[in-house]
């Protein structure tokens, strides 16, 4: 993407996804993280989704913009289970454009968007 085509500060980009049992099992295979909490269903038949799997949500938006991430910091506040809808909102806070590239800063929040109303 050309630097001039990046979203302006204040823009909010959104992506949502519901992780499946197959997603968790595939990620366990790739990452090697096979803790029981990711492989043994809970009383409701759900698996705990790997934190770093949920952290892939912002990378989808970055890929759409064709940007490279230099720094990302995460704080995981609540567990995510298979079958729960997760919403990722990227709010662009700054864009510095140069001739052939740009630097973009954003605040990212991912939250459970279930009927339980986990939205921030």
N, C-alpha and C. Protein backbone atom coordinates (compact mmCIF):
# COMPACT_ATOMS: atom_id res chain seq x y z
N UNK A 1 0.85 -1.17 0.00
CA UNK A 1 0.00 0.00 0.00
C UNK A 1 0.90 1.24 0.00
N UNK A 2 0.56 2.19 -0.79
CA UNK A 2 1.30 3.45 -0.84
C UNK A 2 1.05 4.22 0.46
N UNK A 3 2.07 4.90 0.98
CA UNK A 3 1.90 5.64 2.24
C UNK A 3 0.71 6.60 2.23
N UNK A 4 0.39 7.18 1.08
CA UNK A 4 -0.73 8.11 1.02
C UNK A 4 -2.08 7.41 1.19
N UNK A 5 -2.09 6.09 1.01
CA UNK A 5 -3.34 5.34 1.10
C UNK A 5 -3.63 4.80 2.50
N UNK A 6 -2.70 5.00 3.44
CA UNK A 6 -2.93 4.55 4.81
C UNK A 6 -4.06 5.36 5.44
N UNK A 7 -4.78 4.77 6.38
CA UNK A 7 -5.86 5.52 7.03
C UNK A 7 -5.31 6.67 7.87
N UNK A 8 -6.11 7.71 7.99
CA UNK A 8 -5.72 8.89 8.76
C UNK A 8 -5.92 8.63 10.25
N UNK A 9 -5.21 9.41 11.09
CA UNK A 9 -5.44 9.31 12.54
C UNK A 9 -6.92 9.48 12.87
N UNK A 10 -7.37 8.69 13.80
CA UNK A 10 -8.78 8.69 14.18
C UNK A 10 -9.58 7.59 13.50
N UNK A 11 -9.04 7.05 12.42
CA UNK A 11 -9.73 5.95 11.73
C UNK A 11 -9.75 4.71 12.62
N UNK A 12 -10.85 3.99 12.57
CA UNK A 12 -10.99 2.74 13.33
C UNK A 12 -11.21 1.61 12.33
N UNK A 13 -10.34 0.61 12.41
CA UNK A 13 -10.44 -0.57 11.55
C UNK A 13 -10.85 -1.74 12.43
N UNK A 14 -11.69 -2.61 11.91
CA UNK A 14 -12.27 -3.65 12.75
C UNK A 14 -12.20 -5.01 12.04
N UNK A 15 -11.91 -6.03 12.82
CA UNK A 15 -11.93 -7.41 12.33
C UNK A 15 -12.46 -8.28 13.46
N UNK A 16 -13.29 -9.23 13.13
CA UNK A 16 -13.78 -10.13 14.17
C UNK A 16 -13.70 -11.57 13.70
N UNK A 17 -13.63 -12.44 14.67
CA UNK A 17 -13.46 -13.85 14.36
C UNK A 17 -13.91 -14.70 15.54
N UNK A 18 -14.38 -15.89 15.24
CA UNK A 18 -14.70 -16.89 16.25
C UNK A 18 -13.75 -18.05 16.04
N UNK A 19 -12.91 -18.33 17.02
CA UNK A 19 -11.94 -19.42 16.90
C UNK A 19 -12.63 -20.76 17.13
N UNK A 20 -12.20 -21.76 16.37
CA UNK A 20 -12.78 -23.09 16.44
C UNK A 20 -11.81 -24.07 17.11
N UNK A 21 -12.32 -25.24 17.42
CA UNK A 21 -11.47 -26.30 17.96
C UNK A 21 -10.35 -26.63 16.97
N UNK A 22 -10.67 -26.68 15.69
CA UNK A 22 -9.64 -26.95 14.67
C UNK A 22 -8.56 -25.88 14.68
N UNK A 23 -8.94 -24.60 14.86
CA UNK A 23 -7.95 -23.51 14.94
C UNK A 23 -6.99 -23.74 16.10
N UNK A 24 -7.55 -24.07 17.27
CA UNK A 24 -6.72 -24.26 18.47
C UNK A 24 -5.79 -25.46 18.28
N UNK A 25 -6.31 -26.53 17.74
CA UNK A 25 -5.47 -27.71 17.52
C UNK A 25 -4.37 -27.44 16.50
N UNK A 26 -4.68 -26.71 15.44
CA UNK A 26 -3.67 -26.38 14.43
C UNK A 26 -2.59 -25.49 15.04
N UNK A 27 -3.00 -24.51 15.85
CA UNK A 27 -2.02 -23.62 16.48
C UNK A 27 -1.15 -24.38 17.46
N UNK A 28 -1.74 -25.32 18.19
CA UNK A 28 -0.96 -26.15 19.11
C UNK A 28 0.10 -26.94 18.34
N UNK A 29 -0.26 -27.42 17.16
CA UNK A 29 0.69 -28.15 16.34
C UNK A 29 1.83 -27.28 15.84
N UNK A 30 1.52 -26.06 15.46
CA UNK A 30 2.54 -25.13 14.95
C UNK A 30 3.41 -24.61 16.09
N UNK A 31 2.79 -24.24 17.21
CA UNK A 31 3.52 -23.61 18.31
C UNK A 31 4.18 -24.62 19.25
N UNK A 32 3.65 -25.82 19.29
CA UNK A 32 4.15 -26.81 20.25
C UNK A 32 3.55 -26.65 21.64
N UNK A 33 2.66 -25.66 21.82
CA UNK A 33 2.01 -25.43 23.11
C UNK A 33 0.82 -26.38 23.21
N UNK A 34 1.04 -27.49 23.88
CA UNK A 34 0.01 -28.51 24.00
C UNK A 34 -0.42 -28.69 25.46
N UNK A 35 -0.51 -27.57 26.19
CA UNK A 35 -0.99 -27.64 27.56
C UNK A 35 -2.39 -28.23 27.61
N UNK A 36 -2.69 -28.96 28.69
CA UNK A 36 -4.02 -29.57 28.81
C UNK A 36 -5.14 -28.56 28.63
N UNK A 37 -4.93 -27.34 29.10
CA UNK A 37 -5.98 -26.32 29.01
C UNK A 37 -6.30 -25.96 27.55
N UNK A 38 -5.41 -26.31 26.61
CA UNK A 38 -5.67 -26.09 25.19
C UNK A 38 -6.15 -27.36 24.48
N UNK A 39 -6.06 -28.50 25.15
CA UNK A 39 -6.38 -29.76 24.47
C UNK A 39 -7.52 -30.54 25.11
N UNK A 40 -7.84 -30.23 26.37
CA UNK A 40 -8.92 -30.95 27.06
C UNK A 40 -10.11 -29.99 27.20
N UNK A 41 -11.25 -30.33 26.61
CA UNK A 41 -12.41 -29.44 26.69
C UNK A 41 -12.87 -29.22 28.13
N UNK A 42 -13.42 -28.03 28.37
CA UNK A 42 -13.99 -27.73 29.69
C UNK A 42 -15.37 -28.39 29.81
N UNK A 43 -16.08 -28.08 30.89
CA UNK A 43 -17.39 -28.68 31.14
C UNK A 43 -18.42 -28.34 30.06
N UNK A 44 -18.14 -27.26 29.31
CA UNK A 44 -19.06 -26.86 28.23
C UNK A 44 -18.57 -27.33 26.86
N UNK A 45 -17.50 -28.13 26.84
CA UNK A 45 -16.99 -28.66 25.59
C UNK A 45 -16.09 -27.72 24.81
N UNK A 46 -15.65 -26.64 25.47
CA UNK A 46 -14.83 -25.63 24.80
C UNK A 46 -13.35 -25.83 25.13
N UNK A 47 -12.50 -25.38 24.22
CA UNK A 47 -11.06 -25.33 24.49
C UNK A 47 -10.66 -23.89 24.78
N UNK A 48 -9.66 -23.72 25.63
CA UNK A 48 -9.09 -22.41 25.87
C UNK A 48 -8.23 -22.05 24.67
N UNK A 49 -8.49 -20.89 24.07
CA UNK A 49 -7.74 -20.43 22.90
C UNK A 49 -6.40 -19.87 23.38
N UNK A 50 -5.33 -20.23 22.69
CA UNK A 50 -4.00 -19.70 23.02
C UNK A 50 -4.03 -18.17 22.95
N UNK A 51 -3.39 -17.53 23.92
CA UNK A 51 -3.31 -16.08 23.90
C UNK A 51 -2.69 -15.55 22.62
N UNK A 52 -1.61 -16.19 22.18
CA UNK A 52 -0.95 -15.71 20.96
C UNK A 52 -1.77 -15.99 19.71
N UNK A 53 -2.70 -16.93 19.77
CA UNK A 53 -3.61 -17.11 18.64
C UNK A 53 -4.58 -15.94 18.57
N UNK A 54 -5.09 -15.50 19.72
CA UNK A 54 -5.96 -14.32 19.71
C UNK A 54 -5.18 -13.09 19.26
N UNK A 55 -3.88 -13.08 19.53
CA UNK A 55 -3.04 -11.94 19.15
C UNK A 55 -2.82 -11.85 17.64
N UNK A 56 -3.29 -12.84 16.90
CA UNK A 56 -3.17 -12.76 15.44
C UNK A 56 -4.23 -11.86 14.82
N UNK A 57 -5.26 -11.50 15.57
CA UNK A 57 -6.32 -10.66 15.00
C UNK A 57 -5.80 -9.33 14.46
N UNK A 58 -4.98 -8.59 15.20
CA UNK A 58 -4.47 -7.33 14.64
C UNK A 58 -3.59 -7.54 13.41
N UNK A 59 -2.94 -8.70 13.31
CA UNK A 59 -2.07 -8.91 12.15
C UNK A 59 -2.87 -9.03 10.86
N UNK A 60 -4.13 -9.44 10.95
CA UNK A 60 -5.00 -9.47 9.77
C UNK A 60 -5.18 -8.05 9.23
N UNK A 61 -5.42 -7.11 10.12
CA UNK A 61 -5.60 -5.72 9.70
C UNK A 61 -4.29 -5.17 9.15
N UNK A 62 -3.17 -5.47 9.82
CA UNK A 62 -1.87 -5.04 9.31
C UNK A 62 -1.59 -5.60 7.94
N UNK A 63 -1.97 -6.86 7.71
CA UNK A 63 -1.79 -7.46 6.40
C UNK A 63 -2.64 -6.78 5.34
N UNK A 64 -3.87 -6.40 5.69
CA UNK A 64 -4.73 -5.68 4.75
C UNK A 64 -4.11 -4.35 4.34
N UNK A 65 -3.40 -3.72 5.29
CA UNK A 65 -2.76 -2.43 5.02
C UNK A 65 -1.36 -2.59 4.43
N UNK A 66 -0.86 -3.83 4.41
CA UNK A 66 0.48 -4.14 3.91
C UNK A 66 1.55 -3.41 4.71
N UNK A 67 1.40 -3.44 6.04
CA UNK A 67 2.38 -2.81 6.93
C UNK A 67 3.15 -3.88 7.69
N UNK A 68 4.34 -3.54 8.11
CA UNK A 68 5.17 -4.40 8.94
C UNK A 68 5.11 -3.90 10.37
N UNK A 69 4.87 -4.80 11.31
CA UNK A 69 4.82 -4.41 12.72
C UNK A 69 6.23 -4.36 13.27
N UNK A 70 6.51 -3.31 14.01
CA UNK A 70 7.81 -3.18 14.66
C UNK A 70 7.71 -3.50 16.14
N UNK A 71 6.60 -3.13 16.74
CA UNK A 71 6.43 -3.35 18.17
C UNK A 71 4.95 -3.56 18.47
N UNK A 72 4.66 -4.60 19.25
CA UNK A 72 3.30 -4.85 19.71
C UNK A 72 3.39 -5.32 21.16
N UNK A 73 2.57 -4.74 22.02
CA UNK A 73 2.55 -5.10 23.43
C UNK A 73 1.15 -5.61 23.75
N UNK A 74 1.08 -6.72 24.47
CA UNK A 74 -0.21 -7.34 24.79
C UNK A 74 -0.41 -7.43 26.29
N UNK A 75 -1.67 -7.29 26.69
CA UNK A 75 -2.09 -7.59 28.05
C UNK A 75 -3.38 -8.41 27.92
N UNK A 76 -3.34 -9.63 28.39
CA UNK A 76 -4.49 -10.52 28.28
C UNK A 76 -5.30 -10.43 29.57
N UNK A 77 -6.53 -9.95 29.46
CA UNK A 77 -7.35 -9.70 30.65
C UNK A 77 -8.34 -10.81 30.97
N UNK A 78 -8.82 -11.49 29.95
CA UNK A 78 -9.85 -12.51 30.15
C UNK A 78 -9.55 -13.71 29.25
N UNK A 79 -9.93 -14.90 29.68
CA UNK A 79 -9.73 -16.06 28.81
C UNK A 79 -10.68 -16.02 27.61
N UNK A 80 -10.25 -16.64 26.54
CA UNK A 80 -11.07 -16.78 25.33
C UNK A 80 -11.23 -18.27 25.07
N UNK A 81 -12.45 -18.68 24.80
CA UNK A 81 -12.75 -20.08 24.52
C UNK A 81 -13.27 -20.23 23.10
N UNK A 82 -13.10 -21.43 22.57
CA UNK A 82 -13.65 -21.71 21.24
C UNK A 82 -15.14 -21.40 21.25
N UNK A 83 -15.61 -20.86 20.13
CA UNK A 83 -17.01 -20.51 20.00
C UNK A 83 -17.35 -19.10 20.42
N UNK A 84 -16.42 -18.38 21.04
CA UNK A 84 -16.67 -16.99 21.44
C UNK A 84 -16.19 -16.06 20.33
N UNK A 85 -17.02 -15.08 20.01
CA UNK A 85 -16.66 -14.10 18.98
C UNK A 85 -15.72 -13.07 19.59
N UNK A 86 -14.59 -12.84 18.92
CA UNK A 86 -13.60 -11.86 19.38
C UNK A 86 -13.56 -10.73 18.36
N UNK A 87 -13.63 -9.51 18.86
CA UNK A 87 -13.61 -8.33 18.02
C UNK A 87 -12.29 -7.60 18.24
N UNK A 88 -11.66 -7.19 17.17
CA UNK A 88 -10.41 -6.43 17.24
C UNK A 88 -10.66 -5.06 16.61
N UNK A 89 -10.37 -4.01 17.35
CA UNK A 89 -10.49 -2.65 16.84
C UNK A 89 -9.13 -1.98 16.89
N UNK A 90 -8.70 -1.49 15.75
CA UNK A 90 -7.43 -0.78 15.61
C UNK A 90 -7.77 0.68 15.37
N UNK A 91 -7.37 1.55 16.31
CA UNK A 91 -7.60 2.98 16.17
C UNK A 91 -6.27 3.64 15.82
N UNK A 92 -6.20 4.20 14.64
CA UNK A 92 -4.97 4.85 14.17
C UNK A 92 -4.80 6.14 14.97
N UNK A 93 -3.64 6.29 15.61
CA UNK A 93 -3.38 7.48 16.42
C UNK A 93 -2.41 8.44 15.76
N UNK A 94 -1.54 7.93 14.88
CA UNK A 94 -0.57 8.80 14.22
C UNK A 94 -0.08 8.15 12.93
N UNK A 95 0.10 8.96 11.91
CA UNK A 95 0.71 8.50 10.65
C UNK A 95 1.72 9.56 10.23
N UNK A 96 2.97 9.13 10.07
CA UNK A 96 4.02 10.01 9.55
C UNK A 96 4.38 9.50 8.17
N UNK A 97 4.04 10.29 7.15
CA UNK A 97 4.28 9.87 5.77
C UNK A 97 5.60 10.42 5.27
N UNK A 98 6.30 9.56 4.54
CA UNK A 98 7.54 9.96 3.88
C UNK A 98 7.37 9.63 2.40
N UNK A 99 8.37 9.89 1.59
CA UNK A 99 8.24 9.66 0.15
C UNK A 99 7.89 8.22 -0.19
N UNK A 100 8.62 7.28 0.40
CA UNK A 100 8.44 5.88 -0.01
C UNK A 100 7.92 4.97 1.11
N UNK A 101 7.62 5.53 2.26
CA UNK A 101 7.14 4.71 3.37
C UNK A 101 6.43 5.60 4.38
N UNK A 102 5.86 4.96 5.37
CA UNK A 102 5.17 5.70 6.43
C UNK A 102 5.31 4.93 7.72
N UNK A 103 5.18 5.63 8.82
CA UNK A 103 5.12 5.02 10.14
C UNK A 103 3.72 5.28 10.70
N UNK A 104 3.11 4.23 11.17
CA UNK A 104 1.76 4.34 11.70
C UNK A 104 1.75 3.83 13.13
N UNK A 105 1.09 4.55 14.01
CA UNK A 105 0.92 4.15 15.40
C UNK A 105 -0.57 3.95 15.63
N UNK A 106 -0.90 2.91 16.39
CA UNK A 106 -2.31 2.62 16.62
C UNK A 106 -2.51 2.04 18.01
N UNK A 107 -3.68 2.25 18.55
CA UNK A 107 -4.12 1.58 19.77
C UNK A 107 -4.99 0.41 19.34
N UNK A 108 -4.75 -0.74 19.92
CA UNK A 108 -5.48 -1.95 19.53
C UNK A 108 -6.16 -2.54 20.76
N UNK A 109 -7.43 -2.85 20.60
CA UNK A 109 -8.20 -3.49 21.66
C UNK A 109 -8.92 -4.69 21.05
N UNK A 110 -8.75 -5.84 21.67
CA UNK A 110 -9.49 -7.04 21.28
C UNK A 110 -10.36 -7.43 22.47
N UNK A 111 -11.60 -7.74 22.21
CA UNK A 111 -12.51 -8.08 23.30
C UNK A 111 -13.52 -9.12 22.84
N UNK A 112 -14.09 -9.78 23.82
CA UNK A 112 -15.14 -10.74 23.51
C UNK A 112 -16.40 -9.97 23.14
N UNK A 113 -16.94 -10.26 22.00
CA UNK A 113 -18.14 -9.59 21.53
C UNK A 113 -19.36 -10.48 21.64
N UNK A 114 -19.42 -11.28 22.70
CA UNK A 114 -20.51 -12.23 22.89
C UNK A 114 -21.79 -11.51 23.28
N UNK A 115 -22.84 -12.27 23.31
CA UNK A 115 -24.12 -11.75 23.78
C UNK A 115 -24.03 -11.32 25.23
N UNK A 116 -23.01 -11.82 25.96
CA UNK A 116 -22.83 -11.45 27.36
C UNK A 116 -22.43 -9.99 27.51
N UNK A 117 -22.06 -9.34 26.40
CA UNK A 117 -21.73 -7.93 26.45
C UNK A 117 -20.37 -7.63 27.03
N UNK A 118 -19.34 -8.24 26.52
CA UNK A 118 -17.98 -8.01 27.01
C UNK A 118 -17.33 -6.78 26.38
N UNK A 119 -18.06 -6.09 25.54
CA UNK A 119 -17.45 -4.96 24.84
C UNK A 119 -16.95 -3.93 25.85
N UNK A 120 -15.84 -3.23 25.48
CA UNK A 120 -15.23 -2.28 26.43
C UNK A 120 -16.14 -1.11 26.75
